[in-house]
Amino acid sequence: MHRWMWIRSSTICLSIGGRNALQLENVVRKNAENTERIMRNAIGYVVSNNNLGTVIQSTFDNSTSAGITKLISGVLVPTARSAVRDLDTTNDLAFLRIATRKFEYLVAPEKEFTIVVRQ
């Protein structure tokens, strides 16, 4: 893993704290190659707490971060997860890619948190 990725993941993990920080760090390490490729073209990112619906870490302003968390983590991810489970009850949503005219959103939902990257 490259040094900048470790610094970035460590910064996010320090903000989260505890068990969630270890989970996030493990996800970043496990997907280091994909994370590096994604962050190369990223405009910004939001990490949100799924249980509280709050922003943990973001490179956007508060209103943009709240909007991304509310609409993507709060509406689209549960809907997509439900669709996947309707198709196969033993399956779960692992990754969601949303392409718009202006941006592309890459969403990695985990149990405790969701990472959304805007490209």
C-alpha atoms as a PDB file:
ATOM      1  CA  MET A   1       0.000   0.000   0.000  1.00  0.00           C
ATOM      2  CA  HIS A   2       1.295   3.438  -0.858  1.00  0.00           C
ATOM      3  CA  ARG A   3       2.196   5.866   1.899  1.00  0.00           C
ATOM      4  CA  TRP A   4      -0.496   8.431   0.989  1.00  0.00           C
ATOM      5  CA  MET A   5      -3.174   5.744   1.178  1.00  0.00           C
ATOM      6  CA  TRP A   6      -1.994   4.708   4.640  1.00  0.00           C
ATOM      7  CA  ILE A   7      -2.050   8.334   5.797  1.00  0.00           C
ATOM      8  CA  ARG A   8      -5.521   8.842   4.338  1.00  0.00           C
ATOM      9  CA  SER A   9      -6.911   5.643   5.883  1.00  0.00           C
ATOM     10  CA  SER A  10      -5.230   6.422   9.213  1.00  0.00           C
ATOM     11  CA  THR A  11      -6.752   9.903   9.252  1.00  0.00           C
ATOM     12  CA  ILE A  12     -10.207   8.497   8.618  1.00  0.00           C
ATOM     13  CA  CYS A  13      -9.697   5.751  11.193  1.00  0.00           C
ATOM     14  CA  LEU A  14      -8.599   8.197  13.875  1.00  0.00           C
ATOM     15  CA  SER A  15     -11.802  10.147  13.295  1.00  0.00           C
ATOM     16  CA  ILE A  16     -13.943   7.030  13.639  1.00  0.00           C
ATOM     17  CA  GLY A  17     -12.177   5.411  16.576  1.00  0.00           C
ATOM     18  CA  GLY A  18     -12.560   1.971  18.151  1.00  0.00           C
ATOM     19  CA  ARG A  19     -13.737  -1.168  16.421  1.00  0.00           C
ATOM     20  CA  ASN A  20     -15.147   0.736  13.444  1.00  0.00           C
ATOM     21  CA  ALA A  21     -11.711   2.203  12.775  1.00  0.00           C
ATOM     22  CA  LEU A  22     -10.218  -1.280  12.545  1.00  0.00           C
ATOM     23  CA  GLN A  23     -13.010  -2.411  10.224  1.00  0.00           C
ATOM     24  CA  LEU A  24     -12.473   0.585   7.940  1.00  0.00           C
ATOM     25  CA  GLU A  25      -8.705   0.121   7.948  1.00  0.00           C
ATOM     26  CA  ASN A  26      -9.130  -3.566   7.059  1.00  0.00           C
ATOM     27  CA  VAL A  27     -11.451  -2.667   4.174  1.00  0.00           C
ATOM     28  CA  VAL A  28      -8.945  -0.106   2.860  1.00  0.00           C
ATOM     29  CA  ARG A  29      -6.059  -2.590   3.134  1.00  0.00           C
ATOM     30  CA  LYS A  30      -8.019  -5.447   1.591  1.00  0.00           C
ATOM     31  CA  ASN A  31      -9.000  -3.259  -1.359  1.00  0.00           C
ATOM     32  CA  ALA A  32      -5.778  -1.248  -1.611  1.00  0.00           C
ATOM     33  CA  GLU A  33      -5.407  -1.633  -5.369  1.00  0.00           C
ATOM     34  CA  ASN A  34      -9.011  -0.623  -6.060  1.00  0.00           C
ATOM     35  CA  THR A  35      -8.846   2.189  -3.513  1.00  0.00           C
ATOM     36  CA  GLU A  36      -5.735   3.608  -5.154  1.00  0.00           C
ATOM     37  CA  ARG A  37      -7.327   3.454  -8.619  1.00  0.00           C
ATOM     38  CA  ILE A  38     -10.550   5.057  -7.418  1.00  0.00           C
ATOM     39  CA  MET A  39      -8.907   7.848  -5.415  1.00  0.00           C
ATOM     40  CA  ARG A  40      -6.673   8.800  -8.361  1.00  0.00           C
ATOM     41  CA  ASN A  41      -9.666  10.421 -10.099  1.00  0.00           C
ATOM     42  CA  ALA A  42     -11.693  11.331  -7.014  1.00  0.00           C
ATOM     43  CA  ILE A  43     -13.164  14.770  -6.485  1.00  0.00           C
ATOM     44  CA  GLY A  44     -13.925  13.922  -2.869  1.00  0.00           C
ATOM     45  CA  TYR A  45     -15.312  11.343  -0.481  1.00  0.00           C
ATOM     46  CA  VAL A  46     -17.738  10.911   2.402  1.00  0.00           C
ATOM     47  CA  VAL A  47     -17.581   8.257   5.125  1.00  0.00           C
ATOM     48  CA  SER A  48     -20.853   7.949   7.021  1.00  0.00           C
ATOM     49  CA  ASN A  49     -22.000   6.039  10.088  1.00  0.00           C
ATOM     50  CA  ASN A  50     -24.848   3.722   9.081  1.00  0.00           C
ATOM     51  CA  ASN A  51     -26.299   3.409  12.580  1.00  0.00           C
ATOM     52  CA  LEU A  52     -26.551   7.147  13.232  1.00  0.00           C
ATOM     53  CA  GLY A  53     -26.829   8.439   9.663  1.00  0.00           C
ATOM     54  CA  THR A  54     -24.094  10.967  10.366  1.00  0.00           C
ATOM     55  CA  VAL A  55     -20.991  12.036   8.473  1.00  0.00           C
ATOM     56  CA  ILE A  56     -17.778  10.724  10.026  1.00  0.00           C
ATOM     57  CA  GLN A  57     -15.259  12.154   7.578  1.00  0.00           C
ATOM     58  CA  SER A  58     -15.624  14.155   4.374  1.00  0.00           C
ATOM     59  CA  THR A  59     -13.752  16.341   1.936  1.00  0.00           C
ATOM     60  CA  PHE A  60     -16.957  18.221   1.049  1.00  0.00           C
ATOM     61  CA  ASP A  61     -18.747  21.025   2.895  1.00  0.00           C
ATOM     62  CA  ASN A  62     -21.357  20.098   5.519  1.00  0.00           C
ATOM     63  CA  SER A  63     -24.453  20.518   3.341  1.00  0.00           C
ATOM     64  CA  THR A  64     -23.017  18.471   0.438  1.00  0.00           C
ATOM     65  CA  SER A  65     -21.835  15.760   2.840  1.00  0.00           C
ATOM     66  CA  ALA A  66     -25.232  15.631   4.545  1.00  0.00           C
ATOM     67  CA  GLY A  67     -27.009  15.420   1.186  1.00  0.00           C
ATOM     68  CA  ILE A  68     -24.798  12.596  -0.047  1.00  0.00           C
ATOM     69  CA  THR A  69     -25.248  10.727   3.230  1.00  0.00           C
ATOM     70  CA  LYS A  70     -29.018  11.243   3.307  1.00  0.00           C
ATOM     71  CA  LEU A  71     -29.749  10.353  -0.308  1.00  0.00           C
ATOM     72  CA  ILE A  72     -27.119   7.773  -1.212  1.00  0.00           C
ATOM     73  CA  SER A  73     -26.503   6.059   2.132  1.00  0.00           C
ATOM     74  CA  GLY A  74     -30.034   6.588   3.407  1.00  0.00           C
ATOM     75  CA  VAL A  75     -32.150   5.921   0.303  1.00  0.00           C
ATOM     76  CA  LEU A  76     -30.265   4.350  -2.620  1.00  0.00           C
ATOM     77  CA  VAL A  77     -28.122   1.846  -0.709  1.00  0.00           C
ATOM     78  CA  PRO A  78     -31.043   0.308   1.247  1.00  0.00           C
ATOM     79  CA  THR A  79     -33.119   0.140  -1.957  1.00  0.00           C
ATOM     80  CA  ALA A  80     -30.308  -1.517  -3.931  1.00  0.00           C
ATOM     81  CA  ARG A  81     -29.587  -3.880  -1.021  1.00  0.00           C
ATOM     82  CA  SER A  82     -33.255  -4.842  -0.885  1.00  0.00           C
ATOM     83  CA  ALA A  83     -33.317  -5.508  -4.651  1.00  0.00           C
ATOM     84  CA  VAL A  84     -30.253  -7.750  -4.384  1.00  0.00           C
ATOM     85  CA  ARG A  85     -31.786  -9.679  -1.489  1.00  0.00           C
ATOM     86  CA  ASP A  86     -35.097 -10.022  -3.354  1.00  0.00           C
ATOM     87  CA  LEU A  87     -33.204 -11.703  -6.191  1.00  0.00           C
ATOM     88  CA  ASP A  88     -31.178 -13.959  -3.876  1.00  0.00           C
ATOM     89  CA  THR A  89     -31.792 -14.033  -0.132  1.00  0.00           C
ATOM     90  CA  THR A  90     -28.285 -15.355   0.545  1.00  0.00           C
ATOM     91  CA  ASN A  91     -26.620 -12.440  -1.261  1.00  0.00           C
ATOM     92  CA  ASP A  92     -25.831  -8.871  -0.171  1.00  0.00           C
ATOM     93  CA  LEU A  93     -24.877  -5.592  -1.826  1.00  0.00           C
ATOM     94  CA  ALA A  94     -21.094  -5.230  -2.013  1.00  0.00           C
ATOM     95  CA  PHE A  95     -20.611  -2.194  -4.258  1.00  0.00           C
ATOM     96  CA  LEU A  96     -22.806   0.341  -6.049  1.00  0.00           C
ATOM     97  CA  ARG A  97     -21.802   2.554  -8.962  1.00  0.00           C
ATOM     98  CA  ILE A  98     -24.028   5.509  -9.868  1.00  0.00           C
ATOM     99  CA  ALA A  99     -23.285   7.464 -13.049  1.00  0.00           C
ATOM    100  CA  THR A 100     -24.867  10.880 -13.614  1.00  0.00           C
ATOM    101  CA  ARG A 101     -24.268  13.479 -16.304  1.00  0.00           C
ATOM    102  CA  LYS A 102     -21.872  15.430 -14.077  1.00  0.00           C
ATOM    103  CA  PHE A 103     -20.368  12.890 -11.688  1.00  0.00           C
ATOM    104  CA  GLU A 104     -19.939   9.252 -10.892  1.00  0.00           C
ATOM    105  CA  TYR A 105     -20.519   7.984  -7.358  1.00  0.00           C
ATOM    106  CA  LEU A 106     -18.755   4.849  -6.161  1.00  0.00           C
ATOM    107  CA  VAL A 107     -20.401   3.449  -3.049  1.00  0.00           C
ATOM    108  CA  ALA A 108     -18.951   0.790  -0.746  1.00  0.00           C
ATOM    109  CA  PRO A 109     -21.525  -0.079   1.922  1.00  0.00           C
ATOM    110  CA  GLU A 110     -20.273  -1.935   4.969  1.00  0.00           C
ATOM    111  CA  LYS A 111     -22.148  -3.001   8.103  1.00  0.00           C
ATOM    112  CA  GLU A 112     -21.136  -0.045  10.299  1.00  0.00           C
ATOM    113  CA  PHE A 113     -20.239   2.599   7.696  1.00  0.00           C
ATOM    114  CA  THR A 114     -20.568   3.549   4.039  1.00  0.00           C
ATOM    115  CA  ILE A 115     -17.867   5.083   1.862  1.00  0.00           C
ATOM    116  CA  VAL A 116     -18.993   7.245  -1.058  1.00  0.00           C
ATOM    117  CA  VAL A 117     -16.451   8.577  -3.546  1.00  0.00           C
ATOM    118  CA  ARG A 118     -17.389  11.215  -6.125  1.00  0.00           C
ATOM    119  CA  GLN A 119     -15.457  11.164  -9.376  1.00  0.00           C
END
